C-alpha atoms as a PDB file:
ATOM      1  CA  MET A   1      58.408 -76.306  73.660  1.00  0.00           C
ATOM      2  CA  LYS A   2      59.620 -72.855  75.115  1.00  0.00           C
ATOM      3  CA  THR A   3      63.173 -71.623  75.345  1.00  0.00           C
ATOM      4  CA  ILE A   4      63.552 -71.013  79.360  1.00  0.00           C
ATOM      5  CA  THR A   5      66.706 -68.548  79.894  1.00  0.00           C
ATOM      6  CA  SER A   6      69.201 -69.394  82.575  1.00  0.00           C
ATOM      7  CA  HIS A   7      68.726 -66.456  84.605  1.00  0.00           C
ATOM      8  CA  TYR A   8      64.385 -67.435  84.453  1.00  0.00           C
ATOM      9  CA  GLN A   9      65.866 -71.090  85.440  1.00  0.00           C
ATOM     10  CA  SER A  10      68.167 -69.387  88.274  1.00  0.00           C
ATOM     11  CA  ARG A  11      65.444 -66.968  89.418  1.00  0.00           C
ATOM     12  CA  ALA A  12      62.826 -70.449  89.141  1.00  0.00           C
ATOM     13  CA  GLN A  13      65.205 -72.270  91.757  1.00  0.00           C
ATOM     14  CA  GLN A  14      65.362 -69.530  94.268  1.00  0.00           C
ATOM     15  CA  ARG A  15      61.890 -69.203  94.610  1.00  0.00           C
ATOM     16  CA  GLY A  16      60.488 -72.848  94.222  1.00  0.00           C
ATOM     17  CA  ILE A  17      58.443 -72.037  91.242  1.00  0.00           C
ATOM     18  CA  SER A  18      58.292 -75.636  89.674  1.00  0.00           C
ATOM     19  CA  ASN A  19      57.578 -76.519  85.777  1.00  0.00           C
ATOM     20  CA  LEU A  20      53.928 -77.623  86.985  1.00  0.00           C
ATOM     21  CA  LEU A  21      53.522 -73.806  88.580  1.00  0.00           C
ATOM     22  CA  ARG A  22      54.966 -72.340  85.221  1.00  0.00           C
ATOM     23  CA  ALA A  23      52.538 -74.410  83.083  1.00  0.00           C
ATOM     24  CA  VAL A  24      49.646 -73.238  86.028  1.00  0.00           C
ATOM     25  CA  VAL A  25      50.314 -69.605  84.968  1.00  0.00           C
ATOM     26  CA  GLU A  26      50.506 -69.950  81.429  1.00  0.00           C
ATOM     27  CA  ILE A  27      47.109 -71.728  81.341  1.00  0.00           C
ATOM     28  CA  TYR A  28      45.638 -69.613  83.724  1.00  0.00           C
ATOM     29  CA  GLY A  29      47.240 -66.174  83.857  1.00  0.00           C
ATOM     30  CA  HIS A  30      46.458 -62.750  82.909  1.00  0.00           C
ATOM     31  CA  ASP A  31      48.156 -61.222  79.923  1.00  0.00           C
ATOM     32  CA  TYR A  32      49.782 -57.532  80.745  1.00  0.00           C
ATOM     33  CA  PHE A  33      51.615 -55.975  77.735  1.00  0.00           C
ATOM     34  CA  GLY A  34      54.003 -53.417  77.818  1.00  0.00           C
ATOM     35  CA  ARG A  35      57.443 -52.517  77.419  1.00  0.00           C
ATOM     36  CA  GLY A  36      57.859 -55.227  74.771  1.00  0.00           C
ATOM     37  CA  CYS A  37      57.203 -57.743  76.630  1.00  0.00           C
ATOM     38  CA  THR A  38      54.449 -59.884  78.607  1.00  0.00           C
ATOM     39  CA  PHE A  39      53.702 -60.063  82.292  1.00  0.00           C
ATOM     40  CA  ILE A  40      51.838 -63.139  82.872  1.00  0.00           C
ATOM     41  CA  SER A  41      50.284 -63.692  86.338  1.00  0.00           C
ATOM     42  CA  THR A  42      47.439 -65.666  88.360  1.00  0.00           C
ATOM     43  CA  LYS A  43      46.937 -62.592  90.489  1.00  0.00           C
ATOM     44  CA  LYS A  44      43.805 -61.181  88.076  1.00  0.00           C
ATOM     45  CA  SER A  45      40.677 -62.085  89.929  1.00  0.00           C
ATOM     46  CA  LYS A  46      39.332 -64.531  92.695  1.00  0.00           C
ATOM     47  CA  LYS A  47      36.741 -66.844  90.364  1.00  0.00           C
ATOM     48  CA  VAL A  48      39.975 -67.405  88.444  1.00  0.00           C
ATOM     49  CA  ARG A  49      42.052 -68.343  91.409  1.00  0.00           C
ATOM     50  CA  ASN A  50      39.013 -70.686  92.478  1.00  0.00           C
ATOM     51  CA  LYS A  51      38.879 -71.800  89.002  1.00  0.00           C
ATOM     52  CA  MET A  52      42.074 -73.164  89.260  1.00  0.00           C
ATOM     53  CA  LEU A  53      41.597 -74.741  92.373  1.00  0.00           C
ATOM     54  CA  ARG A  54      38.961 -76.736  90.806  1.00  0.00           C
ATOM     55  CA  ASP A  55      40.718 -78.082  87.805  1.00  0.00           C
ATOM     56  CA  LEU A  56      44.062 -78.984  89.389  1.00  0.00           C
ATOM     57  CA  ARG A  57      41.792 -80.798  92.783  1.00  0.00           C
ATOM     58  CA  SER A  58      40.006 -83.030  89.313  1.00  0.00           C
ATOM     59  CA  ALA A  59      43.670 -83.077  87.801  1.00  0.00           C
ATOM     60  CA  VAL A  60      45.058 -85.093  91.435  1.00  0.00           C
ATOM     61  CA  GLU A  61      41.772 -87.268  91.799  1.00  0.00           C
ATOM     62  CA  TYR A  62      42.734 -88.532  87.837  1.00  0.00           C
ATOM     63  CA  PHE A  63      45.789 -89.720  88.703  1.00  0.00           C
ATOM     64  CA  GLU A  64      44.828 -90.765  91.987  1.00  0.00           C
ATOM     65  CA  SER A  65      42.324 -92.889  90.581  1.00  0.00           C
ATOM     66  CA  GLY A  66      45.128 -94.897  88.552  1.00  0.00           C
ATOM     67  CA  ARG A  67      44.730 -93.308  85.304  1.00  0.00           C
ATOM     68  CA  ASP A  68      47.086 -91.677  82.957  1.00  0.00           C
ATOM     69  CA  VAL A  69      47.154 -89.971  79.665  1.00  0.00           C
ATOM     70  CA  PHE A  70      49.784 -89.062  77.431  1.00  0.00           C
ATOM     71  CA  GLU A  71      50.886 -86.571  74.134  1.00  0.00           C
ATOM     72  CA  ILE A  72      52.328 -87.314  70.900  1.00  0.00           C
ATOM     73  CA  GLN A  73      54.529 -84.018  69.623  1.00  0.00           C
ATOM     74  CA  SER A  74      56.086 -83.382  66.495  1.00  0.00           C
ATOM     75  CA  GLN A  75      60.305 -82.512  66.502  1.00  0.00           C
ATOM     76  CA  GLU A  76      59.105 -79.126  66.181  1.00  0.00           C
ATOM     77  CA  GLY A  77      56.744 -79.112  69.392  1.00  0.00           C
ATOM     78  CA  ILE A  78      53.553 -79.477  67.624  1.00  0.00           C
ATOM     79  CA  LEU A  79      50.773 -81.828  69.521  1.00  0.00           C
ATOM     80  CA  ILE A  80      49.282 -84.050  67.233  1.00  0.00           C
ATOM     81  CA  THR A  81      47.526 -86.515  69.364  1.00  0.00           C
ATOM     82  CA  CYS A  82      46.885 -87.373  73.169  1.00  0.00           C
ATOM     83  CA  GLY A  83      44.818 -90.108  75.035  1.00  0.00           C
ATOM     84  CA  HIS A  84      44.696 -92.350  77.926  1.00  0.00           C
ATOM     85  CA  HIS A  85      47.268 -95.412  78.656  1.00  0.00           C
ATOM     86  CA  LEU A  86      44.491 -98.419  78.694  1.00  0.00           C
ATOM     87  CA  LYS A  87      44.729-101.969  79.989  1.00  0.00           C
ATOM     88  CA  ARG A  88      44.367-104.536  77.755  1.00  0.00           C
ATOM     89  CA  ARG A  89      41.851-107.461  79.172  1.00  0.00           C
ATOM     90  CA  ARG A  90      42.742-110.839  78.256  1.00  0.00           C
ATOM     91  CA  SER A  91      40.076-112.826  77.550  1.00  0.00           C
END
């Protein structure tokens, strides 16, 4: 998990930017490098925006269907595995 500064937290709260939106920017954003920092934006192209919207609709449909998902991370933040929560069938 990335370290987030108090300045970032304040601005995110003021501007209504949730952790979900932050994750979307990290996944779909385009990197611009300069002055020792990376600027990440979703303002790259209409094609990227359309893909992002399709993927988000798909995720909503996934959860609305009653399915669930999990991840297991190490203490260092390394993703180890992932899967679905499955209901056991009783015979």
